[in-house]
Amino acid sequence: MRGARSIHTLSFAALYIEARHRSRGGADGTLLGPATGFLMGFPGSYWLITARHVLSGRRSDNGAIMSKTGLCPDYLRVRFAGETAVGLEPLQEEYDLYDGEGDYQEVPLWRAPEEQRIDVAALHIGHLPETVVEAPMPNVWPTLRELWPADRRSQQGSDQDVDIPLGITDRLFVLGFPFGNTGSWPYAVWTAAPVASEPLAGWDGLPGFLLDSRTREGQSGAPVVLQLGPADPVVVGEGTIMHEESVTGLVGIYSGRIDPRSDLGMVWTTDALFAFLPEVAPPDWTPGPELPAQLHPLTE
């Protein structure tokens, strides 16, 4: 196609997920719904991050079962991109969600916050198949220094080490597979999503905020990212920085619209993730002010 010259590396980062219930007798399981997830961690010890309701099959606000079948998932089918001699081909892996067999699957293998309204969860999947294209999400937030070309960063003062600000109306992107449509696979669909509520204020006393986006079923669990191109201005205080580099940051996890009649969707911040999954947090991470005290990780 004319003008199309490259693939964005983050288009690999979102993974198509099917939440399934295993059928008896060895038949293929029942598909309960499509979703999106992404990897964090490091080679050999990856975590699959997604929305809590994707793994539990229950609403995060009242615990009601979501599928019309009355079933909840007990395993996931995840589609990775596998490298072959002729290009990329889908490589599907299945992961159990509970320890046990038959009717005794009572111990979840996934982890989530104690506060169930925080609709985020993680499943440890460890090693990936050898041929899988590994594309984990970054766990650090970009600083102003990264807006400068690499050969000029060392010339900048310490004032450039502060975080790039995130505020109301800033444009973010939800990377996923709306309606479970994988027509662009293995590349995710990027849905533009302006910030619709103050991130620092939280939402209902929890570490999240709203996006104004046309997201739909299948995008639950998708990574929400900040993507600044060279032409995008960065407002810092009363000034505006016109920069030369592209920068990316993981903002949080998308979990769905707050009401079927609305295009306002919920994103849970990386603080919500790091608080219950310190294995993927940056070494210097500390809870932000929008993280309620009762949700802070325990320290000795």
Protein backbone atom coordinates (compact mmCIF):
# COMPACT_ATOMS: atom_id res chain seq x y z
CA MET A 1 0.00 0.00 0.00
CA ARG A 2 1.36 3.44 -0.90
CA GLY A 3 2.72 5.35 2.06
CA ALA A 4 2.66 2.35 4.44
CA ARG A 5 6.28 1.71 5.32
CA SER A 6 6.42 -0.12 8.64
CA ILE A 7 4.49 -1.91 11.40
CA HIS A 8 4.36 -0.33 14.86
CA THR A 9 6.00 -2.63 17.38
CA LEU A 10 3.15 -2.21 19.88
CA SER A 11 0.68 -3.59 17.36
CA PHE A 12 2.12 -6.97 18.37
CA ALA A 13 1.61 -6.31 22.07
CA ALA A 14 -2.12 -7.00 22.34
CA LEU A 15 -3.08 -10.69 22.31
CA TYR A 16 -6.40 -12.16 21.24
CA ILE A 17 -7.99 -14.24 24.02
CA GLU A 18 -10.95 -16.59 24.15
CA ALA A 19 -12.46 -17.33 27.56
CA ARG A 20 -13.74 -20.92 27.49
CA HIS A 21 -15.47 -23.54 29.61
CA ARG A 22 -14.16 -27.05 29.19
CA SER A 23 -16.67 -29.61 27.98
CA ARG A 24 -16.81 -33.14 29.32
CA GLY A 25 -15.84 -36.06 27.12
CA GLY A 26 -12.91 -34.36 25.43
CA ALA A 27 -14.99 -32.16 23.11
CA ASP A 28 -13.90 -28.63 22.32
CA GLY A 29 -14.86 -26.24 25.09
CA THR A 30 -17.65 -23.68 25.04
CA LEU A 31 -16.61 -20.20 23.91
CA LEU A 32 -17.92 -17.69 26.47
CA GLY A 33 -16.52 -14.59 24.84
CA PRO A 34 -13.55 -12.87 23.19
CA ALA A 35 -11.17 -10.58 25.02
CA THR A 36 -7.74 -8.99 24.84
CA GLY A 37 -4.66 -9.29 27.00
CA PHE A 38 -0.96 -8.48 26.97
CA LEU A 39 2.31 -9.69 28.43
CA MET A 40 4.41 -8.20 31.19
CA GLY A 41 7.49 -9.57 32.90
CA PHE A 42 10.58 -11.04 31.29
CA PRO A 43 11.48 -14.10 29.19
CA GLY A 44 10.78 -17.27 31.15
CA SER A 45 8.47 -15.55 33.62
CA TYR A 46 5.71 -13.78 31.73
CA TRP A 47 2.35 -12.75 33.15
CA LEU A 48 -0.74 -12.44 30.98
CA ILE A 49 -2.59 -9.28 32.00
CA THR A 50 -6.29 -8.81 31.25
CA ALA A 51 -9.56 -7.76 32.90
CA ARG A 52 -10.68 -9.64 35.99
CA HIS A 53 -14.11 -10.42 34.55
CA VAL A 54 -12.46 -12.15 31.60
CA LEU A 55 -10.97 -14.75 33.96
CA SER A 56 -13.75 -14.94 36.54
CA GLY A 57 -16.71 -14.74 34.14
CA ARG A 58 -18.42 -12.48 36.68
CA ARG A 59 -19.20 -8.77 36.82
CA SER A 60 -16.75 -6.87 38.98
CA ASP A 61 -19.44 -4.73 40.62
CA ASN A 62 -21.93 -7.36 41.80
CA GLY A 63 -20.39 -10.75 41.04
CA ALA A 64 -23.17 -11.83 38.65
CA ILE A 65 -22.29 -14.41 35.98
CA MET A 66 -21.94 -12.62 32.65
CA SER A 67 -22.46 -15.39 30.07
CA LYS A 68 -26.00 -16.25 29.01
CA THR A 69 -24.92 -19.89 29.24
CA GLY A 70 -24.61 -19.55 33.00
CA LEU A 71 -21.03 -20.84 32.74
CA CYS A 72 -17.76 -19.33 33.90
CA PRO A 73 -14.43 -19.90 32.14
CA ASP A 74 -11.99 -22.50 33.41
CA TYR A 75 -9.37 -22.05 30.71
CA LEU A 76 -8.14 -19.52 28.17
CA ARG A 77 -7.13 -19.93 24.57
CA VAL A 78 -4.50 -17.33 23.66
CA ARG A 79 -3.38 -16.62 20.12
CA PHE A 80 0.29 -15.72 19.71
CA ALA A 81 2.20 -14.83 16.56
CA GLY A 82 4.59 -17.61 15.66
CA GLU A 83 7.56 -17.06 13.36
CA THR A 84 7.95 -19.57 10.53
CA ALA A 85 10.08 -19.80 7.42
CA VAL A 86 7.25 -18.24 5.39
CA GLY A 87 6.20 -15.52 7.84
CA LEU A 88 3.90 -15.22 10.83
CA GLU A 89 1.34 -17.87 11.64
CA PRO A 90 -1.11 -18.16 14.57
CA LEU A 91 0.06 -20.29 17.46
CA GLN A 92 -2.68 -21.05 19.99
CA GLU A 93 -1.91 -22.03 23.56
CA GLU A 94 -4.37 -23.04 26.28
CA TYR A 95 -3.98 -22.12 29.95
CA ASP A 96 -5.99 -23.51 32.87
CA LEU A 97 -7.47 -20.98 35.25
CA TYR A 98 -8.03 -23.29 38.23
CA ASP A 99 -6.11 -26.00 40.03
CA GLY A 100 -7.94 -29.32 40.21
CA GLU A 101 -10.15 -31.50 38.06
CA GLY A 102 -13.84 -32.04 37.46
CA ASP A 103 -16.02 -30.33 40.04
CA TYR A 104 -13.12 -29.53 42.34
CA GLN A 105 -11.61 -26.63 40.48
CA GLU A 106 -11.72 -24.25 43.42
CA VAL A 107 -8.22 -22.78 43.58
CA PRO A 108 -7.62 -20.00 41.03
CA LEU A 109 -4.27 -19.96 39.30
CA TRP A 110 -4.70 -16.26 38.53
CA ARG A 111 -4.20 -13.26 40.78
CA ALA A 112 -6.34 -10.15 41.26
CA PRO A 113 -6.80 -7.34 43.80
CA GLU A 114 -8.73 -8.09 46.99
CA GLU A 115 -11.02 -5.21 46.05
CA GLN A 116 -13.05 -6.94 43.35
CA ARG A 117 -14.31 -3.68 41.84
CA ILE A 118 -10.80 -3.22 40.42
CA ASP A 119 -11.32 -5.14 37.20
CA VAL A 120 -7.75 -6.30 36.59
CA ALA A 121 -6.16 -9.75 36.84
CA ALA A 122 -3.01 -11.61 35.89
CA LEU A 123 -2.21 -15.22 35.02
CA HIS A 124 1.37 -16.47 35.26
CA ILE A 125 2.23 -18.30 32.03
CA GLY A 126 6.01 -18.48 32.44
CA HIS A 127 7.78 -19.54 29.27
CA LEU A 128 6.41 -18.90 25.79
CA PRO A 129 6.70 -21.37 22.92
CA GLU A 130 10.09 -21.03 21.24
CA THR A 131 8.81 -19.53 17.98
CA VAL A 132 6.52 -16.90 19.53
CA VAL A 133 7.22 -13.25 18.80
CA GLU A 134 7.79 -11.83 22.29
CA ALA A 135 6.32 -8.34 22.68
CA PRO A 136 5.85 -7.48 26.39
CA MET A 137 4.57 -4.07 27.41
CA PRO A 138 7.01 -1.64 29.08
CA ASN A 139 6.56 -1.12 32.81
CA VAL A 140 8.16 2.33 33.10
CA TRP A 141 6.60 5.69 32.33
CA PRO A 142 8.50 7.94 29.87
CA THR A 143 10.22 11.09 31.04
CA LEU A 144 10.74 14.40 29.30
CA ARG A 145 14.34 13.36 28.57
CA GLU A 146 13.06 10.71 26.16
CA LEU A 147 11.53 13.41 23.98
CA TRP A 148 15.04 14.43 22.94
CA PRO A 149 17.03 12.55 20.29
CA ALA A 150 19.26 9.90 21.89
CA ASP A 151 22.47 11.75 21.03
CA ARG A 152 21.31 14.89 22.86
CA ARG A 153 19.71 13.43 26.01
CA SER A 154 22.87 13.56 28.09
CA GLN A 155 23.10 17.31 27.41
CA GLN A 156 19.80 18.03 29.14
CA GLY A 157 19.47 19.12 32.76
CA SER A 158 17.89 17.17 35.61
CA ASP A 159 14.59 19.01 35.03
CA GLN A 160 14.13 16.68 32.04
CA ASP A 161 13.93 13.58 34.28
CA VAL A 162 10.33 14.27 35.36
CA ASP A 163 7.45 12.18 34.03
CA ILE A 164 5.62 13.23 30.89
CA PRO A 165 2.33 14.62 32.24
CA LEU A 166 -1.02 12.92 31.68
CA GLY A 167 -4.16 14.99 31.97
CA ILE A 168 -7.76 15.50 30.98
CA THR A 169 -8.43 15.40 27.18
CA ASP A 170 -5.04 13.81 26.40
CA ARG A 171 -5.39 11.23 23.67
CA LEU A 172 -4.70 7.60 24.55
CA PHE A 173 -5.14 4.38 22.57
CA VAL A 174 -6.84 1.09 23.45
CA LEU A 175 -5.11 -1.78 21.62
CA GLY A 176 -7.34 -4.78 21.08
CA PHE A 177 -9.80 -6.78 19.00
CA PRO A 178 -13.29 -5.19 18.99
CA PHE A 179 -16.11 -7.75 18.78
CA GLY A 180 -13.39 -10.41 18.76
CA ASN A 181 -12.68 -9.47 15.15
CA THR A 182 -9.16 -10.61 14.25
CA GLY A 183 -9.16 -9.31 10.69
CA SER A 184 -5.94 -7.40 11.38
CA TRP A 185 -4.31 -10.23 13.30
CA PRO A 186 -1.59 -10.39 14.56
CA TYR A 187 -1.81 -6.63 14.73
CA ALA A 188 -4.20 -5.00 17.16
CA VAL A 189 -6.77 -2.34 16.33
CA TRP A 190 -5.86 1.04 17.85
CA THR A 191 -8.94 2.83 19.20
CA ALA A 192 -8.36 6.51 19.97
CA ALA A 193 -9.59 7.45 23.43
CA PRO A 194 -9.39 10.93 24.98
CA VAL A 195 -9.09 11.02 28.77
CA ALA A 196 -12.60 11.87 30.02
CA SER A 197 -12.13 12.16 33.79
CA GLU A 198 -9.27 13.48 35.90
CA PRO A 199 -6.74 10.63 36.30
CA LEU A 200 -5.38 11.99 39.57
CA ALA A 201 -8.87 12.08 41.12
CA GLY A 202 -9.45 8.34 40.68
CA TRP A 203 -12.92 6.85 40.17
CA ASP A 204 -15.23 5.86 43.04
CA GLY A 205 -12.21 6.09 45.33
CA LEU A 206 -10.29 3.59 43.21
CA PRO A 207 -7.22 3.90 40.93
CA GLY A 208 -8.94 4.36 37.60
CA PHE A 209 -10.44 6.94 35.26
CA LEU A 210 -12.70 7.20 32.23
CA LEU A 211 -11.98 7.30 28.52
CA ASP A 212 -14.24 8.62 25.80
CA SER A 213 -13.90 5.90 23.20
CA ARG A 214 -15.83 3.70 20.79
CA THR A 215 -14.65 0.51 22.44
CA ARG A 216 -16.75 -2.63 22.29
CA GLU A 217 -16.93 -6.26 23.40
CA GLY A 218 -13.64 -8.06 22.83
CA GLN A 219 -11.47 -5.17 23.98
CA SER A 220 -11.79 -5.94 27.70
CA GLY A 221 -8.31 -6.44 29.12
CA ALA A 222 -6.62 -4.39 26.41
CA PRO A 223 -3.55 -2.28 27.15
CA VAL A 224 -4.16 1.46 27.21
CA VAL A 225 -1.14 3.36 25.97
CA LEU A 226 0.14 6.88 25.50
CA GLN A 227 1.71 7.28 22.08
CA LEU A 228 3.32 10.61 21.25
CA GLY A 229 4.64 11.25 17.77
CA PRO A 230 7.15 13.96 16.82
CA ALA A 231 4.33 16.32 15.84
CA ASP A 232 2.37 15.94 19.09
CA PRO A 233 2.85 18.84 21.52
CA VAL A 234 3.54 18.07 25.19
CA VAL A 235 2.15 20.62 27.64
CA VAL A 236 4.26 21.01 30.78
CA GLY A 237 3.07 23.69 33.19
CA GLU A 238 2.47 26.82 31.14
CA GLY A 239 4.83 25.78 28.36
CA THR A 240 4.59 23.49 25.34
CA ILE A 241 7.39 21.19 24.17
CA MET A 242 7.66 20.45 20.47
CA HIS A 243 9.81 17.33 20.35
CA GLU A 244 11.56 15.18 17.78
CA GLU A 245 11.14 11.63 19.13
CA SER A 246 8.23 9.19 19.48
CA VAL A 247 7.57 7.91 23.00
CA THR A 248 5.25 5.29 24.42
CA GLY A 249 3.96 4.57 27.90
CA LEU A 250 1.59 1.98 29.38
CA VAL A 251 -1.20 3.86 31.17
CA GLY A 252 -3.31 0.93 32.34
CA ILE A 253 -5.81 -1.78 31.50
CA TYR A 254 -9.15 -1.27 29.80
CA SER A 255 -12.10 -3.18 31.31
CA GLY A 256 -15.22 -2.07 29.44
CA ARG A 257 -17.87 0.63 29.23
CA ILE A 258 -19.54 1.89 32.38
CA ASP A 259 -22.95 1.47 30.71
CA PRO A 260 -24.05 -0.19 27.42
CA ARG A 261 -25.68 3.11 26.42
CA SER A 262 -22.44 5.05 26.81
CA ASP A 263 -19.09 5.32 25.06
CA LEU A 264 -17.37 6.07 28.35
CA GLY A 265 -15.00 3.25 29.24
CA MET A 266 -13.01 2.35 32.34
CA VAL A 267 -9.24 2.15 32.51
CA TRP A 268 -7.42 0.93 35.61
CA THR A 269 -4.01 2.48 36.14
CA THR A 270 -0.69 0.65 36.30
CA ASP A 271 -0.69 1.48 40.03
CA ALA A 272 -3.72 -0.81 40.38
CA LEU A 273 -1.73 -3.55 38.63
CA PHE A 274 1.58 -3.07 40.44
CA ALA A 275 -0.12 -3.06 43.85
CA PHE A 276 -1.14 -6.73 43.58
CA LEU A 277 1.54 -7.82 41.09
CA PRO A 278 4.85 -6.31 42.28
CA GLU A 279 6.69 -8.84 40.11
CA VAL A 280 6.14 -6.59 37.07
CA ALA A 281 6.54 -3.21 38.80
CA PRO A 282 9.59 -1.01 38.19
CA PRO A 283 12.19 -1.28 40.99
CA ASP A 284 11.55 2.29 42.17
CA TRP A 285 7.73 2.09 42.02
CA THR A 286 5.76 3.69 44.85
CA PRO A 287 1.97 4.00 45.05
CA GLY A 288 0.58 7.21 43.60
CA PRO A 289 -1.75 9.48 45.59
CA GLU A 290 -4.77 8.14 43.67
CA LEU A 291 -4.18 4.66 45.15
CA PRO A 292 -6.22 4.39 48.38
CA ALA A 293 -4.19 3.54 51.48
CA GLN A 294 -5.98 0.21 51.95
CA LEU A 295 -4.84 -0.86 48.48
CA HIS A 296 -1.15 -0.09 49.05
CA PRO A 297 1.04 -3.19 49.06
CA LEU A 298 2.11 -4.40 52.48
CA THR A 299 5.66 -3.48 53.48
CA GLU A 300 7.79 -4.88 56.28
